[in-house]
């Protein structure tokens, strides 16, 4: 399956891939460990595409500067923004350049070390916080906006808990925008070529994808939700769904990234972006 934005074969090649239940604690532990082990390779391989201060929503290359899903860039000045699953804080760095006051939160210590590396030793324009998305270490109503580009949401066993935490730290009317692998991709093999174009599994099978070591401990976990599930989770988390964006594959993008490729991108969606607002 390996649906994650950027999750490709690496140090866990020898891990056993399976579909089985995985709870909140196991999923969180696996995500932290996987990213701490793989952050160096990820940033080395994909850093040029992501840029140091670019806000990209997914492998298609949809750029927030053009999409404006958080609102007009000119309106971001002075806003308190929380990025969840920030990685090396590339998106937060773009937000800072627009005059926002971003906080980049990630579960992985090593990813946040890369955020410091990119800052080049200067005083960071972005506040970095290491924490779990399901237990945000902020006061109620601390932020105007929250965002996540493939961060946290696909990898948690209880997305509603995360959404309720995001709602708690947002001010009234605050916007929450997040991108995930498009749920339809779970029905197809995670291959960039023609073999990835034939349905091979049930879209309705919510059993998590797990990679586990020889002792049966999860080293990577991803959770599948259908489009309907995601919409219901958004509502249960205290939000209104304003828009659902399915980026088309652009002509300029000829990269293959895991299961994403021009071939597949021109035929089936690869990313779903949920634009939500806090329901007050």
Foldseek 3Di string as FASTA:
>chain_A
DQLFQQRDDDPLVVFDKDFADDAFVLLLVLVQLLCQVCLVVSCVVCVVLLDQAWAAQGLLRDGCCPVVLQHHLLVQADFEEEEAQCQLVNPVNNSVVSNHAYEYEHQYPNSPVNVCVSVVVPDDSYHYYHDQLLDDPDAFQQGQEYEYRSHRQFRGPQNLSSLLVVLRNHDAFHKYKYKHWQLVQVQAPLAQDPNRVDGDDDSPDQGWIFTADPVRRTNHIGTHDHPVRVCVSNVSSQKDFPDKDFDARDPVDQDDRGSDGNVVRNPDTTMIMTMITGHD
